[in-house]
Amino acid sequence: MSSLLIDEHPLVVLPSLAKEIGLNEAIMLQQIHFWISKRKHFEDGRYWVYNSYDSWAEQFPFWSKSTIIRILKRLEDRGLIESGNYNRLKIDNTKWYTVNYVKVSELPRKNTPSSQVE
C-alpha cells in the first residue's frame, strides 16, 4: 500500500464550507472545532482551544507560520472564530480560540454535487 494514502488521522472538510470561506480557512475552522469537541478548556461559558503558532504549524506542516497567522486573522475578521487570553501567566501571549457557531450557522449551505468518475 502507498505511504501517501490514509494511515494517519486525516483532516476532513466539507467541500461546501471550503467553497464558501476558502479551503485553508475551512480546514482550520474544522480543526478548531475538532479540538473544542474534546471539551477540555471551559471559560466564559464556552469551550476553547489554545496553541502557539508553532504548535499550529506542527498540526499543519504544509503551511508556513505566516500563512497560519493570515488564516486565523481571516477567520476572526469574518467572525467565524473568536480569540481570548485565558493564560495563567500574564507574560504568556498564547491565543485561545473558539468557534462562533452562530456565525457559522448563518453561512449559506450550498450542496456540492457529488460526482463519480467512471
PDB file of N, CA and C in Angstrom:
ATOM      1  N   MET A   1       0.845  -1.177   0.000  1.00  0.00           N
ATOM      2  CA  MET A   1       0.000   0.000   0.000  1.00  0.00           C
ATOM      3  C   MET A   1       0.888   1.237   0.000  1.00  0.00           C
ATOM      4  N   SER A   2       0.427   2.294  -0.620  1.00  0.00           N
ATOM      5  CA  SER A   2       1.192   3.534  -0.709  1.00  0.00           C
ATOM      6  C   SER A   2       1.265   4.232   0.635  1.00  0.00           C
ATOM      7  N   SER A   3       2.412   4.806   0.926  1.00  0.00           N
ATOM      8  CA  SER A   3       2.563   5.553   2.177  1.00  0.00           C
ATOM      9  C   SER A   3       1.873   6.911   2.113  1.00  0.00           C
ATOM     10  N   LEU A   4       1.349   7.293   0.953  1.00  0.00           N
ATOM     11  CA  LEU A   4       0.643   8.569   0.830  1.00  0.00           C
ATOM     12  C   LEU A   4      -0.863   8.428   1.017  1.00  0.00           C
ATOM     13  N   LEU A   5      -1.337   7.218   1.188  1.00  0.00           N
ATOM     14  CA  LEU A   5      -2.753   7.023   1.463  1.00  0.00           C
ATOM     15  C   LEU A   5      -2.973   7.003   2.963  1.00  0.00           C
ATOM     16  N   ILE A   6      -4.187   7.199   3.386  1.00  0.00           N
ATOM     17  CA  ILE A   6      -4.501   7.483   4.784  1.00  0.00           C
ATOM     18  C   ILE A   6      -4.191   6.319   5.714  1.00  0.00           C
ATOM     19  N   ASP A   7      -3.164   6.513   6.506  1.00  0.00           N
ATOM     20  CA  ASP A   7      -2.837   5.634   7.620  1.00  0.00           C
ATOM     21  C   ASP A   7      -2.678   6.460   8.890  1.00  0.00           C
ATOM     22  N   GLU A   8      -2.974   7.739   8.791  1.00  0.00           N
ATOM     23  CA  GLU A   8      -2.887   8.639   9.932  1.00  0.00           C
ATOM     24  C   GLU A   8      -4.206   9.395  10.022  1.00  0.00           C
ATOM     25  N   HIS A   9      -4.391  10.150  11.093  1.00  0.00           N
ATOM     26  CA  HIS A   9      -5.635  10.897  11.275  1.00  0.00           C
ATOM     27  C   HIS A   9      -5.776  11.940  10.161  1.00  0.00           C
ATOM     28  N   PRO A  10      -6.819  11.831   9.322  1.00  0.00           N
ATOM     29  CA  PRO A  10      -6.965  12.768   8.208  1.00  0.00           C
ATOM     30  C   PRO A  10      -7.600  14.084   8.649  1.00  0.00           C
ATOM     31  N   LEU A  11      -7.379  15.103   7.853  1.00  0.00           N
ATOM     32  CA  LEU A  11      -8.098  16.364   8.010  1.00  0.00           C
ATOM     33  C   LEU A  11      -9.304  16.279   7.085  1.00  0.00           C
ATOM     34  N   VAL A  12     -10.484  16.498   7.630  1.00  0.00           N
ATOM     35  CA  VAL A  12     -11.716  16.355   6.859  1.00  0.00           C
ATOM     36  C   VAL A  12     -12.412  17.707   6.812  1.00  0.00           C
ATOM     37  N   VAL A  13     -12.905  18.056   5.636  1.00  0.00           N
ATOM     38  CA  VAL A  13     -13.607  19.326   5.485  1.00  0.00           C
ATOM     39  C   VAL A  13     -14.712  19.153   4.441  1.00  0.00           C
ATOM     40  N   LEU A  14     -15.824  19.816   4.684  1.00  0.00           N
ATOM     41  CA  LEU A  14     -16.917  19.775   3.715  1.00  0.00           C
ATOM     42  C   LEU A  14     -16.572  20.650   2.512  1.00  0.00           C
ATOM     43  N   PRO A  15     -16.732  20.143   1.301  1.00  0.00           N
ATOM     44  CA  PRO A  15     -16.469  20.965   0.121  1.00  0.00           C
ATOM     45  C   PRO A  15     -17.310  22.244   0.097  1.00  0.00           C
ATOM     46  N   SER A  16     -18.557  22.171   0.569  1.00  0.00           N
ATOM     47  CA  SER A  16     -19.419  23.361   0.564  1.00  0.00           C
ATOM     48  C   SER A  16     -18.879  24.439   1.499  1.00  0.00           C
ATOM     49  N   LEU A  17     -18.300  24.048   2.635  1.00  0.00           N
ATOM     50  CA  LEU A  17     -17.689  25.025   3.541  1.00  0.00           C
ATOM     51  C   LEU A  17     -16.448  25.626   2.896  1.00  0.00           C
ATOM     52  N   ALA A  18     -15.623  24.789   2.278  1.00  0.00           N
ATOM     53  CA  ALA A  18     -14.414  25.274   1.607  1.00  0.00           C
ATOM     54  C   ALA A  18     -14.766  26.239   0.480  1.00  0.00           C
ATOM     55  N   LYS A  19     -15.834  25.943  -0.240  1.00  0.00           N
ATOM     56  CA  LYS A  19     -16.259  26.822  -1.332  1.00  0.00           C
ATOM     57  C   LYS A  19     -16.718  28.174  -0.786  1.00  0.00           C
ATOM     58  N   GLU A  20     -17.353  28.163   0.368  1.00  0.00           N
ATOM     59  CA  GLU A  20     -17.905  29.395   0.950  1.00  0.00           C
ATOM     60  C   GLU A  20     -16.834  30.277   1.589  1.00  0.00           C
ATOM     61  N   ILE A  21     -15.897  29.685   2.343  1.00  0.00           N
ATOM     62  CA  ILE A  21     -14.946  30.513   3.102  1.00  0.00           C
ATOM     63  C   ILE A  21     -13.495  30.327   2.668  1.00  0.00           C
ATOM     64  N   GLY A  22     -13.234  29.402   1.768  1.00  0.00           N
ATOM     65  CA  GLY A  22     -11.867  29.122   1.326  1.00  0.00           C
ATOM     66  C   GLY A  22     -11.379  27.818   1.940  1.00  0.00           C
ATOM     67  N   LEU A  23     -10.567  27.098   1.189  1.00  0.00           N
ATOM     68  CA  LEU A  23     -10.109  25.788   1.642  1.00  0.00           C
ATOM     69  C   LEU A  23      -9.278  25.880   2.916  1.00  0.00           C
ATOM     70  N   ASN A  24      -8.290  26.766   2.944  1.00  0.00           N
ATOM     71  CA  ASN A  24      -7.442  26.872   4.134  1.00  0.00           C
ATOM     72  C   ASN A  24      -8.248  27.233   5.372  1.00  0.00           C
ATOM     73  N   GLU A  25      -9.162  28.184   5.216  1.00  0.00           N
ATOM     74  CA  GLU A  25      -9.981  28.612   6.342  1.00  0.00           C
ATOM     75  C   GLU A  25     -10.897  27.482   6.808  1.00  0.00           C
ATOM     76  N   ALA A  26     -11.444  26.720   5.862  1.00  0.00           N
ATOM     77  CA  ALA A  26     -12.322  25.602   6.223  1.00  0.00           C
ATOM     78  C   ALA A  26     -11.551  24.521   6.978  1.00  0.00           C
ATOM     79  N   ILE A  27     -10.337  24.243   6.544  1.00  0.00           N
ATOM     80  CA  ILE A  27      -9.511  23.246   7.240  1.00  0.00           C
ATOM     81  C   ILE A  27      -9.229  23.702   8.665  1.00  0.00           C
ATOM     82  N   MET A  28      -8.832  24.962   8.823  1.00  0.00           N
ATOM     83  CA  MET A  28      -8.508  25.485  10.159  1.00  0.00           C
ATOM     84  C   MET A  28      -9.752  25.517  11.043  1.00  0.00           C
ATOM     85  N   LEU A  29     -10.865  25.989  10.509  1.00  0.00           N
ATOM     86  CA  LEU A  29     -12.105  26.053  11.280  1.00  0.00           C
ATOM     87  C   LEU A  29     -12.519  24.658  11.744  1.00  0.00           C
ATOM     88  N   GLN A  30     -12.417  23.685  10.859  1.00  0.00           N
ATOM     89  CA  GLN A  30     -12.768  22.309  11.218  1.00  0.00           C
ATOM     90  C   GLN A  30     -11.837  21.777  12.302  1.00  0.00           C
ATOM     91  N   GLN A  31     -10.550  22.114  12.233  1.00  0.00           N
ATOM     92  CA  GLN A  31      -9.599  21.634  13.234  1.00  0.00           C
ATOM     93  C   GLN A  31      -9.861  22.280  14.597  1.00  0.00           C
ATOM     94  N   ILE A  32     -10.195  23.563  14.605  1.00  0.00           N
ATOM     95  CA  ILE A  32     -10.539  24.227  15.870  1.00  0.00           C
ATOM     96  C   ILE A  32     -11.786  23.572  16.458  1.00  0.00           C
ATOM     97  N   HIS A  33     -12.777  23.313  15.614  1.00  0.00           N
ATOM     98  CA  HIS A  33     -13.995  22.626  16.071  1.00  0.00           C
ATOM     99  C   HIS A  33     -13.651  21.250  16.648  1.00  0.00           C
ATOM    100  N   PHE A  34     -12.768  20.524  15.986  1.00  0.00           N
ATOM    101  CA  PHE A  34     -12.345  19.201  16.462  1.00  0.00           C
ATOM    102  C   PHE A  34     -11.759  19.296  17.868  1.00  0.00           C
ATOM    103  N   TRP A  35     -10.844  20.241  18.085  1.00  0.00           N
ATOM    104  CA  TRP A  35     -10.211  20.363  19.405  1.00  0.00           C
ATOM    105  C   TRP A  35     -11.202  20.832  20.460  1.00  0.00           C
ATOM    106  N   ILE A  36     -12.118  21.714  20.083  1.00  0.00           N
ATOM    107  CA  ILE A  36     -13.141  22.170  21.030  1.00  0.00           C
ATOM    108  C   ILE A  36     -14.026  20.995  21.451  1.00  0.00           C
ATOM    109  N   SER A  37     -14.289  20.082  20.524  1.00  0.00           N
ATOM    110  CA  SER A  37     -15.162  18.938  20.840  1.00  0.00           C
ATOM    111  C   SER A  37     -14.555  18.021  21.897  1.00  0.00           C
ATOM    112  N   LYS A  38     -13.269  18.158  22.157  1.00  0.00           N
ATOM    113  CA  LYS A  38     -12.618  17.379  23.221  1.00  0.00           C
ATOM    114  C   LYS A  38     -13.012  17.899  24.609  1.00  0.00           C
ATOM    115  N   ARG A  39     -13.576  19.101  24.658  1.00  0.00           N
ATOM    116  CA  ARG A  39     -14.142  19.702  25.875  1.00  0.00           C
ATOM    117  C   ARG A  39     -13.184  19.703  27.057  1.00  0.00           C
ATOM    118  N   LYS A  40     -12.018  20.290  26.847  1.00  0.00           N
ATOM    119  CA  LYS A  40     -11.025  20.331  27.916  1.00  0.00           C
ATOM    120  C   LYS A  40     -10.925  21.687  28.603  1.00  0.00           C
ATOM    121  N   HIS A  41     -11.175  22.772  27.872  1.00  0.00           N
ATOM    122  CA  HIS A  41     -10.949  24.108  28.432  1.00  0.00           C
ATOM    123  C   HIS A  41     -12.230  24.934  28.330  1.00  0.00           C
ATOM    124  N   PHE A  42     -12.909  25.098  29.453  1.00  0.00           N
ATOM    125  CA  PHE A  42     -14.184  25.808  29.503  1.00  0.00           C
ATOM    126  C   PHE A  42     -13.978  27.142  30.206  1.00  0.00           C
ATOM    127  N   GLU A  43     -14.217  28.224  29.500  1.00  0.00           N
ATOM    128  CA  GLU A  43     -14.076  29.575  30.048  1.00  0.00           C
ATOM    129  C   GLU A  43     -15.215  30.437  29.519  1.00  0.00           C
ATOM    130  N   ASP A  44     -15.754  31.281  30.363  1.00  0.00           N
ATOM    131  CA  ASP A  44     -16.799  32.235  29.959  1.00  0.00           C
ATOM    132  C   ASP A  44     -17.942  31.572  29.188  1.00  0.00           C
ATOM    133  N   GLY A  45     -18.330  30.378  29.618  1.00  0.00           N
ATOM    134  CA  GLY A  45     -19.485  29.713  29.033  1.00  0.00           C
ATOM    135  C   GLY A  45     -19.241  28.987  27.729  1.00  0.00           C
ATOM    136  N   ARG A  46     -17.969  28.889  27.302  1.00  0.00           N
ATOM    137  CA  ARG A  46     -17.673  28.218  26.031  1.00  0.00           C
ATOM    138  C   ARG A  46     -16.393  27.400  26.153  1.00  0.00           C
ATOM    139  N   TYR A  47     -16.259  26.464  25.248  1.00  0.00           N
ATOM    140  CA  TYR A  47     -15.031  25.676  25.176  1.00  0.00           C
ATOM    141  C   TYR A  47     -14.048  26.359  24.228  1.00  0.00           C
ATOM    142  N   TRP A  48     -12.767  26.248  24.570  1.00  0.00           N
ATOM    143  CA  TRP A  48     -11.702  26.919  23.832  1.00  0.00           C
ATOM    144  C   TRP A  48     -10.569  25.946  23.557  1.00  0.00           C
ATOM    145  N   VAL A  49      -9.784  26.268  22.547  1.00  0.00           N
ATOM    146  CA  VAL A  49      -8.543  25.557  22.252  1.00  0.00           C
ATOM    147  C   VAL A  49      -7.441  26.606  22.189  1.00  0.00           C
ATOM    148  N   TYR A  50      -6.268  26.234  22.661  1.00  0.00           N
ATOM    149  CA  TYR A  50      -5.143  27.162  22.549  1.00  0.00           C
ATOM    150  C   TYR A  50      -3.959  26.448  21.934  1.00  0.00           C
ATOM    151  N   ASN A  51      -3.233  27.174  21.143  1.00  0.00           N
ATOM    152  CA  ASN A  51      -1.996  26.691  20.533  1.00  0.00           C
ATOM    153  C   ASN A  51      -1.143  27.895  20.184  1.00  0.00           C
ATOM    154  N   SER A  52       0.142  27.731  20.300  1.00  0.00           N
ATOM    155  CA  SER A  52       1.053  28.741  19.769  1.00  0.00           C
ATOM    156  C   SER A  52       1.060  28.571  18.247  1.00  0.00           C
ATOM    157  N   TYR A  53       1.565  29.562  17.548  1.00  0.00           N
ATOM    158  CA  TYR A  53       1.655  29.431  16.094  1.00  0.00           C
ATOM    159  C   TYR A  53       2.569  28.266  15.718  1.00  0.00           C
ATOM    160  N   ASP A  54       3.605  28.029  16.507  1.00  0.00           N
ATOM    161  CA  ASP A  54       4.485  26.882  16.245  1.00  0.00           C
ATOM    162  C   ASP A  54       3.731  25.562  16.411  1.00  0.00           C
ATOM    163  N   SER A  55       2.849  25.488  17.410  1.00  0.00           N
ATOM    164  CA  SER A  55       2.048  24.271  17.602  1.00  0.00           C
ATOM    165  C   SER A  55       1.073  24.060  16.453  1.00  0.00           C
ATOM    166  N   TRP A  56       0.458  25.160  15.988  1.00  0.00           N
ATOM    167  CA  TRP A  56      -0.415  25.035  14.823  1.00  0.00           C
ATOM    168  C   TRP A  56       0.397  24.536  13.631  1.00  0.00           C
ATOM    169  N   ALA A  57       1.625  25.044  13.477  1.00  0.00           N
ATOM    170  CA  ALA A  57       2.474  24.640  12.348  1.00  0.00           C
ATOM    171  C   ALA A  57       2.809  23.149  12.404  1.00  0.00           C
ATOM    172  N   GLU A  58       2.888  22.580  13.596  1.00  0.00           N
ATOM    173  CA  GLU A  58       3.117  21.137  13.712  1.00  0.00           C
ATOM    174  C   GLU A  58       1.898  20.353  13.226  1.00  0.00           C
ATOM    175  N   GLN A  59       0.706  20.887  13.467  1.00  0.00           N
ATOM    176  CA  GLN A  59      -0.519  20.220  13.007  1.00  0.00           C
ATOM    177  C   GLN A  59      -0.719  20.383  11.504  1.00  0.00           C
ATOM    178  N   PHE A  60      -0.190  21.487  10.976  1.00  0.00           N
ATOM    179  CA  PHE A  60      -0.336  21.803   9.552  1.00  0.00           C
ATOM    180  C   PHE A  60       1.045  22.025   8.938  1.00  0.00           C
ATOM    181  N   PRO A  61       1.819  20.965   8.757  1.00  0.00           N
ATOM    182  CA  PRO A  61       3.194  21.133   8.277  1.00  0.00           C
ATOM    183  C   PRO A  61       3.288  21.644   6.841  1.00  0.00           C
ATOM    184  N   PHE A  62       2.174  21.687   6.141  1.00  0.00           N
ATOM    185  CA  PHE A  62       2.145  22.167   4.761  1.00  0.00           C
ATOM    186  C   PHE A  62       1.905  23.673   4.680  1.00  0.00           C
ATOM    187  N   TRP A  63       1.696  24.348   5.836  1.00  0.00           N
ATOM    188  CA  TRP A  63       1.533  25.803   5.882  1.00  0.00           C
ATOM    189  C   TRP A  63       2.697  26.425   6.626  1.00  0.00           C
ATOM    190  N   SER A  64       3.096  27.603   6.202  1.00  0.00           N
ATOM    191  CA  SER A  64       4.094  28.367   6.955  1.00  0.00           C
ATOM    192  C   SER A  64       3.402  29.033   8.140  1.00  0.00           C
ATOM    193  N   LYS A  65       4.199  29.486   9.082  1.00  0.00           N
ATOM    194  CA  LYS A  65       3.628  30.171  10.243  1.00  0.00           C
ATOM    195  C   LYS A  65       2.885  31.439   9.806  1.00  0.00           C
ATOM    196  N   SER A  66       3.425  32.161   8.828  1.00  0.00           N
ATOM    197  CA  SER A  66       2.751  33.381   8.365  1.00  0.00           C
ATOM    198  C   SER A  66       1.414  33.056   7.700  1.00  0.00           C
ATOM    199  N   THR A  67       1.326  31.931   7.009  1.00  0.00           N
ATOM    200  CA  THR A  67       0.051  31.510   6.415  1.00  0.00           C
ATOM    201  C   THR A  67      -0.960  31.197   7.512  1.00  0.00           C
ATOM    202  N   ILE A  68      -0.526  30.525   8.554  1.00  0.00           N
ATOM    203  CA  ILE A  68      -1.413  30.201   9.679  1.00  0.00           C
ATOM    204  C   ILE A  68      -1.934  31.477  10.327  1.00  0.00           C
ATOM    205  N   ILE A  69      -1.076  32.443  10.524  1.00  0.00           N
ATOM    206  CA  ILE A  69      -1.486  33.722  11.114  1.00  0.00           C
ATOM    207  C   ILE A  69      -2.536  34.389  10.232  1.00  0.00           C
ATOM    208  N   ARG A  70      -2.313  34.397   8.911  1.00  0.00           N
ATOM    209  CA  ARG A  70      -3.279  35.009   7.985  1.00  0.00           C
ATOM    210  C   ARG A  70      -4.621  34.280   8.019  1.00  0.00           C
ATOM    211  N   ILE A  71      -4.592  32.951   8.043  1.00  0.00           N
ATOM    212  CA  ILE A  71      -5.832  32.160   8.069  1.00  0.00           C
ATOM    213  C   ILE A  71      -6.629  32.473   9.335  1.00  0.00           C
ATOM    214  N   LEU A  72      -5.967  32.461  10.483  1.00  0.00           N
ATOM    215  CA  LEU A  72      -6.653  32.751  11.748  1.00  0.00           C
ATOM    216  C   LEU A  72      -7.212  34.168  11.750  1.00  0.00           C
ATOM    217  N   LYS A  73      -6.465  35.117  11.207  1.00  0.00           N
ATOM    218  CA  LYS A  73      -6.943  36.508  11.152  1.00  0.00           C
ATOM    219  C   LYS A  73      -8.176  36.615  10.264  1.00  0.00           C
ATOM    220  N   ARG A  74      -8.158  35.949   9.112  1.00  0.00           N
ATOM    221  CA  ARG A  74      -9.328  35.995   8.221  1.00  0.00           C
ATOM    222  C   ARG A  74     -10.560  35.386   8.889  1.00  0.00           C
ATOM    223  N   LEU A  75     -10.371  34.279   9.604  1.00  0.00           N
ATOM    224  CA  LEU A  75     -11.500  33.668  10.319  1.00  0.00           C
ATOM    225  C   LEU A  75     -12.022  34.591  11.412  1.00  0.00           C
ATOM    226  N   GLU A  76     -11.116  35.251  12.119  1.00  0.00           N
ATOM    227  CA  GLU A  76     -11.537  36.215  13.151  1.00  0.00           C
ATOM    228  C   GLU A  76     -12.242  37.409  12.525  1.00  0.00           C
ATOM    229  N   ASP A  77     -11.677  37.941  11.439  1.00  0.00           N
ATOM    230  CA  ASP A  77     -12.273  39.103  10.773  1.00  0.00           C
ATOM    231  C   ASP A  77     -13.687  38.812  10.280  1.00  0.00           C
ATOM    232  N   ARG A  78     -13.938  37.582   9.869  1.00  0.00           N
ATOM    233  CA  ARG A  78     -15.283  37.192   9.423  1.00  0.00           C
ATOM    234  C   ARG A  78     -16.201  36.858  10.584  1.00  0.00           C
ATOM    235  N   GLY A  79     -15.646  36.806  11.798  1.00  0.00           N
ATOM    236  CA  GLY A  79     -16.448  36.498  12.973  1.00  0.00           C
ATOM    237  C   GLY A  79     -16.728  35.019  13.150  1.00  0.00           C
ATOM    238  N   LEU A  80     -16.052  34.164  12.388  1.00  0.00           N
ATOM    239  CA  LEU A  80     -16.297  32.725  12.473  1.00  0.00           C
ATOM    240  C   LEU A  80     -15.585  32.095  13.660  1.00  0.00           C
ATOM    241  N   ILE A  81     -14.499  32.726  14.113  1.00  0.00           N
ATOM    242  CA  ILE A  81     -13.841  32.319  15.354  1.00  0.00           C
ATOM    243  C   ILE A  81     -13.630  33.565  16.201  1.00  0.00           C
ATOM    244  N   GLU A  82     -13.473  33.345  17.485  1.00  0.00           N
ATOM    245  CA  GLU A  82     -13.148  34.422  18.409  1.00  0.00           C
ATOM    246  C   GLU A  82     -11.905  34.009  19.174  1.00  0.00           C
ATOM    247  N   SER A  83     -11.139  35.000  19.593  1.00  0.00           N
ATOM    248  CA  SER A  83      -9.928  34.693  20.349  1.00  0.00           C
ATOM    249  C   SER A  83     -10.024  35.306  21.735  1.00  0.00           C
ATOM    250  N   GLY A  84      -9.261  34.738  22.636  1.00  0.00           N
ATOM    251  CA  GLY A  84      -9.211  35.231  24.006  1.00  0.00           C
ATOM    252  C   GLY A  84      -7.860  34.910  24.606  1.00  0.00           C
ATOM    253  N   ASN A  85      -7.668  35.354  25.840  1.00  0.00           N
ATOM    254  CA  ASN A  85      -6.437  35.061  26.565  1.00  0.00           C
ATOM    255  C   ASN A  85      -6.830  34.580  27.953  1.00  0.00           C
ATOM    256  N   TYR A  86      -6.714  33.292  28.163  1.00  0.00           N
ATOM    257  CA  TYR A  86      -7.030  32.685  29.455  1.00  0.00           C
ATOM    258  C   TYR A  86      -5.782  32.043  30.061  1.00  0.00           C
ATOM    259  N   ASN A  87      -4.640  32.556  29.679  1.00  0.00           N
ATOM    260  CA  ASN A  87      -3.376  32.025  30.180  1.00  0.00           C
ATOM    261  C   ASN A  87      -3.197  32.375  31.649  1.00  0.00           C
ATOM    262  N   ARG A  88      -2.574  31.488  32.377  1.00  0.00           N
ATOM    263  CA  ARG A  88      -2.344  31.719  33.807  1.00  0.00           C
ATOM    264  C   ARG A  88      -1.276  32.774  34.045  1.00  0.00           C
ATOM    265  N   LEU A  89      -0.291  32.816  33.173  1.00  0.00           N
ATOM    266  CA  LEU A  89       0.792  33.785  33.318  1.00  0.00           C
ATOM    267  C   LEU A  89       0.547  34.985  32.412  1.00  0.00           C
ATOM    268  N   LYS A  90       0.680  36.174  32.948  1.00  0.00           N
ATOM    269  CA  LYS A  90       0.456  37.397  32.160  1.00  0.00           C
ATOM    270  C   LYS A  90       1.432  37.494  30.987  1.00  0.00           C
ATOM    271  N   ILE A  91       2.624  36.953  31.167  1.00  0.00           N
ATOM    272  CA  ILE A  91       3.651  37.028  30.128  1.00  0.00           C
ATOM    273  C   ILE A  91       3.345  36.107  28.941  1.00  0.00           C
ATOM    274  N   ASP A  92       2.468  35.127  29.139  1.00  0.00           N
ATOM    275  CA  ASP A  92       2.109  34.166  28.091  1.00  0.00           C
ATOM    276  C   ASP A  92       1.097  34.807  27.144  1.00  0.00           C
ATOM    277  N   ASN A  93       1.472  34.970  25.888  1.00  0.00           N
ATOM    278  CA  ASN A  93       0.595  35.602  24.893  1.00  0.00           C
ATOM    279  C   ASN A  93      -0.086  34.600  23.966  1.00  0.00           C
ATOM    280  N   THR A  94      -0.097  33.333  24.347  1.00  0.00           N
ATOM    281  CA  THR A  94      -0.749  32.316  23.521  1.00  0.00           C
ATOM    282  C   THR A  94      -2.228  32.665  23.368  1.00  0.00           C
ATOM    283  N   LYS A  95      -2.704  32.684  22.110  1.00  0.00           N
ATOM    284  CA  LYS A  95      -4.112  32.991  21.863  1.00  0.00           C
ATOM    285  C   LYS A  95      -4.956  31.734  21.997  1.00  0.00           C
ATOM    286  N   TRP A  96      -6.128  31.908  22.561  1.00  0.00           N
ATOM    287  CA  TRP A  96      -7.124  30.849  22.672  1.00  0.00           C
ATOM    288  C   TRP A  96      -8.198  31.135  21.621  1.00  0.00           C
ATOM    289  N   TYR A  97      -8.774  30.068  21.057  1.00  0.00           N
ATOM    290  CA  TYR A  97      -9.776  30.232  20.004  1.00  0.00           C
ATOM    291  C   TYR A  97     -11.010  29.398  20.305  1.00  0.00           C
ATOM    292  N   THR A  98     -12.146  29.948  19.900  1.00  0.00           N
ATOM    293  CA  THR A  98     -13.399  29.209  19.934  1.00  0.00           C
ATOM    294  C   THR A  98     -14.151  29.504  18.646  1.00  0.00           C
ATOM    295  N   VAL A  99     -15.040  28.618  18.283  1.00  0.00           N
ATOM    296  CA  VAL A  99     -15.853  28.796  17.080  1.00  0.00           C
ATOM    297  C   VAL A  99     -17.094  29.593  17.449  1.00  0.00           C
ATOM    298  N   ASN A 100     -17.427  30.572  16.629  1.00  0.00           N
ATOM    299  CA  ASN A 100     -18.678  31.301  16.779  1.00  0.00           C
ATOM    300  C   ASN A 100     -19.725  30.519  15.971  1.00  0.00           C
ATOM    301  N   TYR A 101     -20.375  29.587  16.651  1.00  0.00           N
ATOM    302  CA  TYR A 101     -21.302  28.685  15.963  1.00  0.00           C
ATOM    303  C   TYR A 101     -22.519  29.419  15.401  1.00  0.00           C
ATOM    304  N   VAL A 102     -22.879  30.548  15.983  1.00  0.00           N
ATOM    305  CA  VAL A 102     -23.989  31.340  15.437  1.00  0.00           C
ATOM    306  C   VAL A 102     -23.610  31.854  14.053  1.00  0.00           C
ATOM    307  N   LYS A 103     -22.411  32.439  13.936  1.00  0.00           N
ATOM    308  CA  LYS A 103     -21.954  32.952  12.634  1.00  0.00           C
ATOM    309  C   LYS A 103     -21.794  31.824  11.618  1.00  0.00           C
ATOM    310  N   VAL A 104     -21.272  30.701  12.062  1.00  0.00           N
ATOM    311  CA  VAL A 104     -21.098  29.569  11.146  1.00  0.00           C
ATOM    312  C   VAL A 104     -22.460  29.105  10.640  1.00  0.00           C
ATOM    313  N   SER A 105     -23.456  29.072  11.520  1.00  0.00           N
ATOM    314  CA  SER A 105     -24.791  28.616  11.103  1.00  0.00           C
ATOM    315  C   SER A 105     -25.450  29.586  10.129  1.00  0.00           C
ATOM    316  N   GLU A 106     -24.984  30.834  10.097  1.00  0.00           N
ATOM    317  CA  GLU A 106     -25.533  31.821   9.168  1.00  0.00           C
ATOM    318  C   GLU A 106     -24.926  31.724   7.770  1.00  0.00           C
ATOM    319  N   LEU A 107     -23.869  30.942   7.625  1.00  0.00           N
ATOM    320  CA  LEU A 107     -23.272  30.770   6.298  1.00  0.00           C
ATOM    321  C   LEU A 107     -24.258  30.040   5.402  1.00  0.00           C
ATOM    322  N   PRO A 108     -24.331  30.443   4.137  1.00  0.00           N
ATOM    323  CA  PRO A 108     -25.219  29.717   3.224  1.00  0.00           C
ATOM    324  C   PRO A 108     -24.749  28.279   3.068  1.00  0.00           C
ATOM    325  N   ARG A 109     -25.669  27.369   3.112  1.00  0.00           N
ATOM    326  CA  ARG A 109     -25.316  25.947   2.947  1.00  0.00           C
ATOM    327  C   ARG A 109     -25.609  25.576   1.509  1.00  0.00           C
ATOM    328  N   LYS A 110     -24.563  25.489   0.740  1.00  0.00           N
ATOM    329  CA  LYS A 110     -24.711  25.117  -0.670  1.00  0.00           C
ATOM    330  C   LYS A 110     -24.312  23.664  -0.815  1.00  0.00           C
ATOM    331  N   ASN A 111     -25.186  22.894  -1.380  1.00  0.00           N
ATOM    332  CA  ASN A 111     -24.856  21.490  -1.619  1.00  0.00           C
ATOM    333  C   ASN A 111     -23.905  21.394  -2.797  1.00  0.00           C
ATOM    334  N   THR A 112     -22.832  20.691  -2.584  1.00  0.00           N
ATOM    335  CA  THR A 112     -21.882  20.454  -3.659  1.00  0.00           C
ATOM    336  C   THR A 112     -22.257  19.136  -4.311  1.00  0.00           C
ATOM    337  N   PRO A 113     -22.530  19.166  -5.614  1.00  0.00           N
ATOM    338  CA  PRO A 113     -22.930  17.916  -6.258  1.00  0.00           C
ATOM    339  C   PRO A 113     -21.808  16.892  -6.179  1.00  0.00           C
ATOM    340  N   SER A 114     -22.201  15.678  -5.874  1.00  0.00           N
ATOM    341  CA  SER A 114     -21.196  14.619  -5.851  1.00  0.00           C
ATOM    342  C   SER A 114     -21.141  14.000  -7.238  1.00  0.00           C
ATOM    343  N   SER A 115     -19.956  13.708  -7.653  1.00  0.00           N
ATOM    344  CA  SER A 115     -19.810  13.073  -8.956  1.00  0.00           C
ATOM    345  C   SER A 115     -18.852  11.910  -8.812  1.00  0.00           C
ATOM    346  N   GLN A 116     -18.995  10.996  -9.703  1.00  0.00           N
ATOM    347  CA  GLN A 116     -18.146   9.818  -9.665  1.00  0.00           C
ATOM    348  C   GLN A 116     -17.545   9.645 -11.049  1.00  0.00           C
ATOM    349  N   VAL A 117     -16.256   9.488 -11.076  1.00  0.00           N
ATOM    350  CA  VAL A 117     -15.582   9.272 -12.350  1.00  0.00           C
ATOM    351  C   VAL A 117     -15.760   7.813 -12.734  1.00  0.00           C
ATOM    352  N   GLU A 118     -16.181   7.605 -13.946  1.00  0.00           N
ATOM    353  CA  GLU A 118     -16.393   6.226 -14.403  1.00  0.00           C
ATOM    354  C   GLU A 118     -15.263   5.787 -15.290  1.00  0.00           C
TER     355      GLU A 118
END
